[in-house]
Amino acid sequence: MSLLGFSGCDILDIVTPRAEYGMPHADYKLVGSVTGSDGPLEGIEVRYRHKMETYTDENGAKKEEWLEESFQTDKEGRVSAALSDYDAWMRSEDLQVVLTDVDGEKNGLYEQMVLEGGNIDISFKEDKQGSWHTGSYIIGFAARMKRITIMPAEYGMPHAEYRIIGTVKDAKGNPIPGIEVLAALWRVEGESQDEGCITKAETAADGTFTAQISEWPGYNIARLTLNDIDGSANGGEFKSGEAAASFSQTESGDGKWYEGTFEADAGDIVLKK
């Protein structure tokens, strides 16, 4: 190269980009609508989740680290909120939107719903800043939640009374009040599974809860979903959790339509902050 009159340093000056101070980032806004059987749903908790990292711990177990932010739908069933994400290369595969009915039976009781992948859309809005700022984006979704129908036992119909009990604690063993417990009845026989009605309860000051419902006989499993509905009022904000317990008969039936009382004890359920 020197014989041809070129310098190696000159070539490096041409192809090496200049380092700039900063890092790529973007602005994101969550925009969505939630409807039910009777139209827009107000008071639905919209929990936005962004998977930041997947790793393997010292025991070889796969772990995931998520960034979470929570909002609520307005009277029109809509949510529109700025997000704190700065990732310039957001992917819908790393996102979840968890919809939870947290206002009780005010507008009906609806099943929890998880949106991910193709149910979440990321669209470019505008880019006015340039440099490291890669633009503004909308994370959009539209969901229709399924209403839960609670059918009370009626005269002349086979039924049983189901009771689900347990205690919710934090990692240090302290009771957590103000936790919403949704208890779903399941009939599990081998590979066959059938879901029944859902009832709910709320933990008391000592962390205990009791959920009761009258339903068709034959359900043998209670599956629980636990949600922190009062923010930091119960000693901090806790992640949602799940648990399950088997029913055992505690009271005999009357030999007619009533087939007895069944109880499932979920024991101590630990929620993490």
Protein backbone atom coordinates (compact mmCIF):
# COMPACT_ATOMS: atom_id res chain seq x y z
CA MET A 1 0.00 0.00 0.00
CA SER A 2 2.87 2.39 0.76
CA LEU A 3 4.22 1.81 -2.71
CA LEU A 4 0.94 3.02 -4.18
CA GLY A 5 1.03 6.17 -2.06
CA PHE A 6 -1.59 5.17 0.50
CA SER A 7 -1.29 5.22 4.26
CA GLY A 8 -2.83 2.49 6.46
CA CYS A 9 -3.81 5.12 9.04
CA ASP A 10 -5.66 7.09 6.38
CA ILE A 11 -7.79 4.06 5.54
CA LEU A 12 -8.66 3.49 9.21
CA ASP A 13 -9.73 7.12 9.53
CA ILE A 14 -12.24 6.55 6.76
CA VAL A 15 -13.95 3.34 7.91
CA THR A 16 -13.89 3.75 11.71
CA PRO A 17 -17.05 5.55 12.97
CA ARG A 18 -16.70 8.26 15.54
CA ALA A 19 -17.90 7.33 19.03
CA GLU A 20 -20.73 9.53 20.29
CA TYR A 21 -21.86 10.13 23.85
CA GLY A 22 -25.23 8.58 24.70
CA MET A 23 -27.21 5.41 24.00
CA PRO A 24 -30.11 4.49 21.70
CA HIS A 25 -33.50 5.07 23.31
CA ALA A 26 -37.13 5.57 22.38
CA ASP A 27 -40.41 6.84 23.83
CA TYR A 28 -43.28 4.39 24.29
CA LYS A 29 -46.96 4.86 25.05
CA LEU A 30 -49.45 2.13 25.99
CA VAL A 31 -52.82 2.60 24.25
CA GLY A 32 -55.61 0.06 24.44
CA SER A 33 -59.29 -0.68 24.94
CA VAL A 34 -61.08 -3.30 27.03
CA THR A 35 -64.68 -4.40 26.49
CA GLY A 36 -66.99 -6.96 28.04
CA SER A 37 -70.36 -8.47 27.24
CA ASP A 38 -72.11 -5.12 27.93
CA GLY A 39 -69.61 -2.75 26.32
CA PRO A 40 -66.55 -0.84 27.65
CA LEU A 41 -65.14 -1.99 30.99
CA GLU A 42 -64.08 0.62 33.53
CA GLY A 43 -61.78 -0.19 36.45
CA ILE A 44 -59.85 -3.02 34.80
CA GLU A 45 -56.24 -3.26 35.97
CA VAL A 46 -53.91 -3.17 32.95
CA ARG A 47 -50.51 -4.52 33.96
CA TYR A 48 -47.85 -3.93 31.31
CA ARG A 49 -44.91 -6.36 31.47
CA HIS A 50 -41.63 -6.16 29.52
CA LYS A 51 -39.19 -9.07 29.74
CA MET A 52 -35.80 -7.46 30.34
CA GLU A 53 -33.61 -10.53 30.82
CA THR A 54 -33.62 -14.33 30.78
CA TYR A 55 -30.91 -16.10 32.74
CA THR A 56 -30.02 -19.33 34.55
CA ASP A 57 -29.45 -19.19 38.30
CA GLU A 58 -26.87 -21.07 40.32
CA ASN A 59 -29.22 -24.07 40.60
CA GLY A 60 -29.65 -24.33 36.85
CA ALA A 61 -33.23 -23.01 36.90
CA LYS A 62 -34.34 -20.67 34.13
CA LYS A 63 -35.33 -17.23 35.45
CA GLU A 64 -36.89 -14.17 33.85
CA GLU A 65 -36.66 -10.54 34.94
CA TRP A 66 -39.65 -8.35 34.05
CA LEU A 67 -40.29 -4.62 34.18
CA GLU A 68 -43.92 -4.01 35.24
CA GLU A 69 -46.21 -0.96 35.30
CA SER A 70 -49.92 -0.90 36.19
CA PHE A 71 -52.76 1.33 35.02
CA GLN A 72 -56.58 1.24 35.05
CA THR A 73 -59.15 1.66 32.29
CA ASP A 74 -61.36 4.77 32.30
CA LYS A 75 -65.13 5.03 31.81
CA GLU A 76 -64.68 4.32 28.11
CA GLY A 77 -62.71 1.18 28.85
CA ARG A 78 -59.54 2.79 27.55
CA VAL A 79 -56.01 3.23 28.82
CA SER A 80 -53.45 5.70 27.47
CA ALA A 81 -50.23 6.07 29.44
CA ALA A 82 -46.56 6.86 28.88
CA LEU A 83 -44.16 4.01 29.70
CA SER A 84 -40.75 4.24 31.29
CA ASP A 85 -39.11 1.88 28.77
CA TYR A 86 -36.17 3.23 26.82
CA ASP A 87 -35.27 0.12 24.80
CA ALA A 88 -34.82 1.21 21.18
CA TRP A 89 -35.42 -2.32 19.86
CA MET A 90 -38.64 -3.38 21.59
CA ARG A 91 -40.15 -6.70 20.41
CA SER A 92 -43.74 -7.79 20.87
CA GLU A 93 -42.47 -11.30 21.78
CA ASP A 94 -41.02 -9.82 25.00
CA LEU A 95 -44.23 -8.06 26.08
CA GLN A 96 -47.32 -9.02 28.04
CA VAL A 97 -50.47 -7.11 28.97
CA VAL A 98 -52.32 -8.71 31.90
CA LEU A 99 -55.95 -7.63 32.36
CA THR A 100 -57.53 -8.18 35.80
CA ASP A 101 -60.99 -7.25 37.06
CA VAL A 102 -60.22 -5.58 40.41
CA ASP A 103 -63.47 -3.73 41.16
CA GLY A 104 -65.47 -6.77 42.17
CA GLU A 105 -68.98 -7.11 40.80
CA LYS A 106 -69.42 -3.38 40.16
CA ASN A 107 -69.58 -3.93 36.40
CA GLY A 108 -69.74 -7.73 36.48
CA LEU A 109 -66.99 -10.23 37.28
CA TYR A 110 -64.58 -11.02 34.44
CA GLU A 111 -61.86 -13.64 33.97
CA GLN A 112 -58.24 -12.54 34.01
CA MET A 113 -56.77 -12.26 30.51
CA VAL A 114 -53.14 -12.29 29.30
CA LEU A 115 -52.25 -10.71 25.95
CA GLU A 116 -48.90 -11.40 24.32
CA GLY A 117 -47.19 -11.91 20.96
CA GLY A 118 -49.49 -11.20 18.04
CA ASN A 119 -52.13 -9.68 20.34
CA ILE A 120 -49.86 -6.69 21.02
CA ASP A 121 -48.92 -4.26 18.26
CA ILE A 122 -45.90 -1.92 18.22
CA SER A 123 -46.24 0.93 15.71
CA PHE A 124 -43.95 3.86 14.89
CA LYS A 125 -45.49 7.25 15.61
CA GLU A 126 -42.92 9.98 15.01
CA ASP A 127 -39.29 10.93 15.39
CA LYS A 128 -38.49 14.58 15.94
CA GLN A 129 -35.36 14.44 18.10
CA GLY A 130 -32.85 12.52 16.00
CA SER A 131 -29.37 11.56 17.27
CA TRP A 132 -29.69 8.71 19.81
CA HIS A 133 -33.45 9.11 20.09
CA THR A 134 -34.85 6.54 17.66
CA GLY A 135 -38.45 7.73 17.78
CA SER A 136 -41.82 7.48 19.49
CA TYR A 137 -43.86 4.29 19.43
CA ILE A 138 -47.37 3.13 20.34
CA ILE A 139 -47.86 -0.24 22.03
CA GLY A 140 -51.48 -1.01 21.22
CA PHE A 141 -54.02 -3.69 22.10
CA ALA A 142 -57.74 -4.37 22.07
CA ALA A 143 -59.32 -7.02 24.27
CA ARG A 144 -62.72 -8.48 25.03
CA MET A 145 -62.87 -10.09 28.47
CA LYS A 146 -65.02 -13.13 29.27
CA ARG A 147 -67.66 -12.62 31.92
CA ILE A 148 -67.85 -15.04 34.84
CA THR A 149 -71.33 -16.41 35.47
CA ILE A 150 -71.92 -17.43 39.07
CA MET A 151 -74.92 -19.72 39.25
CA PRO A 152 -76.42 -20.07 42.74
CA ALA A 153 -77.86 -23.41 43.78
CA GLU A 154 -81.60 -23.52 43.15
CA TYR A 155 -84.39 -25.66 44.58
CA GLY A 156 -84.48 -29.08 42.99
CA MET A 157 -80.91 -28.89 41.59
CA PRO A 158 -78.00 -31.08 42.76
CA HIS A 159 -75.48 -28.91 44.56
CA ALA A 160 -72.64 -28.89 47.07
CA GLU A 161 -71.08 -26.21 49.23
CA TYR A 162 -67.41 -25.44 48.53
CA ARG A 163 -65.14 -23.65 50.98
CA ILE A 164 -61.56 -22.57 50.25
CA ILE A 165 -59.29 -21.33 53.04
CA GLY A 166 -55.66 -20.27 53.36
CA THR A 167 -53.22 -17.64 54.56
CA VAL A 168 -51.17 -15.19 52.48
CA LYS A 169 -47.74 -14.15 53.75
CA ASP A 170 -44.66 -12.32 52.53
CA ALA A 171 -41.20 -13.87 52.20
CA LYS A 172 -40.48 -13.13 55.88
CA GLY A 173 -43.62 -14.88 57.10
CA ASN A 174 -45.62 -11.72 57.81
CA PRO A 175 -49.36 -11.82 56.97
CA ILE A 176 -50.51 -9.69 54.03
CA PRO A 177 -53.98 -8.09 54.27
CA GLY A 178 -55.87 -6.66 51.29
CA ILE A 179 -54.99 -9.41 48.80
CA GLU A 180 -57.75 -10.39 46.37
CA VAL A 181 -58.17 -14.17 46.02
CA LEU A 182 -60.00 -15.56 42.97
CA ALA A 183 -60.85 -19.24 43.49
CA ALA A 184 -61.83 -21.34 40.47
CA LEU A 185 -63.47 -24.76 40.87
CA TRP A 186 -62.04 -27.56 38.69
CA ARG A 187 -63.04 -31.16 38.08
CA VAL A 188 -59.85 -33.06 37.20
CA GLU A 189 -60.06 -36.74 36.29
CA GLY A 190 -56.92 -38.07 34.61
CA GLU A 191 -56.37 -36.00 31.48
CA SER A 192 -59.93 -34.67 31.57
CA GLN A 193 -60.42 -31.20 33.07
CA ASP A 194 -63.55 -29.10 33.48
CA GLU A 195 -63.68 -25.58 34.97
CA GLY A 196 -66.62 -24.44 37.06
CA CYS A 197 -67.53 -21.12 38.62
CA ILE A 198 -65.18 -18.67 40.26
CA THR A 199 -65.66 -17.03 43.62
CA LYS A 200 -63.50 -14.47 45.37
CA ALA A 201 -62.42 -13.29 48.77
CA GLU A 202 -60.00 -10.83 50.35
CA THR A 203 -57.38 -11.49 53.01
CA ALA A 204 -58.01 -10.13 56.51
CA ALA A 205 -55.54 -8.36 58.80
CA ASP A 206 -54.00 -11.71 59.77
CA GLY A 207 -53.59 -12.73 56.12
CA THR A 208 -56.33 -15.38 56.21
CA PHE A 209 -59.09 -15.73 53.64
CA THR A 210 -62.24 -17.80 53.18
CA ALA A 211 -63.96 -18.15 49.81
CA GLN A 212 -67.30 -19.96 49.59
CA ILE A 213 -69.63 -20.92 46.76
CA SER A 214 -72.56 -23.27 46.11
CA GLU A 215 -72.13 -25.23 42.88
CA TRP A 216 -72.72 -28.49 41.07
CA PRO A 217 -71.19 -31.52 42.84
CA GLY A 218 -68.03 -33.24 41.66
CA TYR A 219 -65.37 -30.52 41.68
CA ASN A 220 -62.19 -31.74 43.35
CA ILE A 221 -59.58 -28.99 42.83
CA ALA A 222 -59.50 -25.26 43.70
CA ARG A 223 -57.10 -23.13 41.67
CA LEU A 224 -56.30 -19.73 43.13
CA THR A 225 -55.12 -16.46 41.60
CA LEU A 226 -53.94 -13.80 44.07
CA ASN A 227 -53.66 -10.08 43.26
CA ASP A 228 -52.51 -7.13 45.35
CA ILE A 229 -55.40 -4.65 44.97
CA ASP A 230 -54.49 -1.96 47.49
CA GLY A 231 -51.04 -0.92 46.29
CA SER A 232 -48.59 -0.16 49.08
CA ALA A 233 -51.24 -0.03 51.83
CA ASN A 234 -50.49 -3.60 52.91
CA GLY A 235 -46.77 -3.09 53.42
CA GLY A 236 -45.69 -2.89 49.81
CA GLU A 237 -46.75 -3.87 46.31
CA PHE A 238 -46.74 -7.63 45.79
CA LYS A 239 -46.56 -9.68 42.62
CA SER A 240 -49.55 -11.78 41.65
CA GLY A 241 -49.37 -15.43 42.61
CA GLU A 242 -51.08 -18.76 42.03
CA ALA A 243 -51.84 -21.80 44.18
CA ALA A 244 -53.97 -24.94 44.15
CA ALA A 245 -55.57 -27.22 46.75
CA SER A 246 -57.65 -30.42 46.75
CA PHE A 247 -61.16 -30.63 48.20
CA SER A 248 -62.10 -33.11 50.91
CA GLN A 249 -65.63 -33.66 52.22
CA THR A 250 -66.30 -32.18 55.66
CA GLU A 251 -70.08 -32.62 55.85
CA SER A 252 -72.39 -35.28 54.46
CA GLY A 253 -75.31 -34.56 52.18
CA ASP A 254 -79.00 -34.98 52.96
CA GLY A 255 -79.57 -37.83 50.54
CA LYS A 256 -81.57 -35.57 48.24
CA TRP A 257 -80.29 -32.62 46.18
CA TYR A 258 -77.68 -31.47 48.69
CA GLU A 259 -74.47 -33.51 48.44
CA GLY A 260 -72.52 -32.04 51.33
CA THR A 261 -69.77 -29.55 52.14
CA PHE A 262 -66.24 -29.74 50.72
CA GLU A 263 -63.20 -27.82 51.92
CA ALA A 264 -59.82 -27.07 50.31
CA ASP A 265 -57.01 -25.76 52.52
CA ALA A 266 -54.36 -23.92 50.48
CA GLY A 267 -52.15 -23.48 53.57
CA ASP A 268 -49.57 -20.68 53.56
CA ILE A 269 -49.18 -18.90 50.22
CA VAL A 270 -46.10 -16.68 49.85
CA LEU A 271 -46.16 -13.58 47.62
CA LYS A 272 -43.03 -11.72 46.56
CA LYS A 273 -42.74 -7.96 46.41
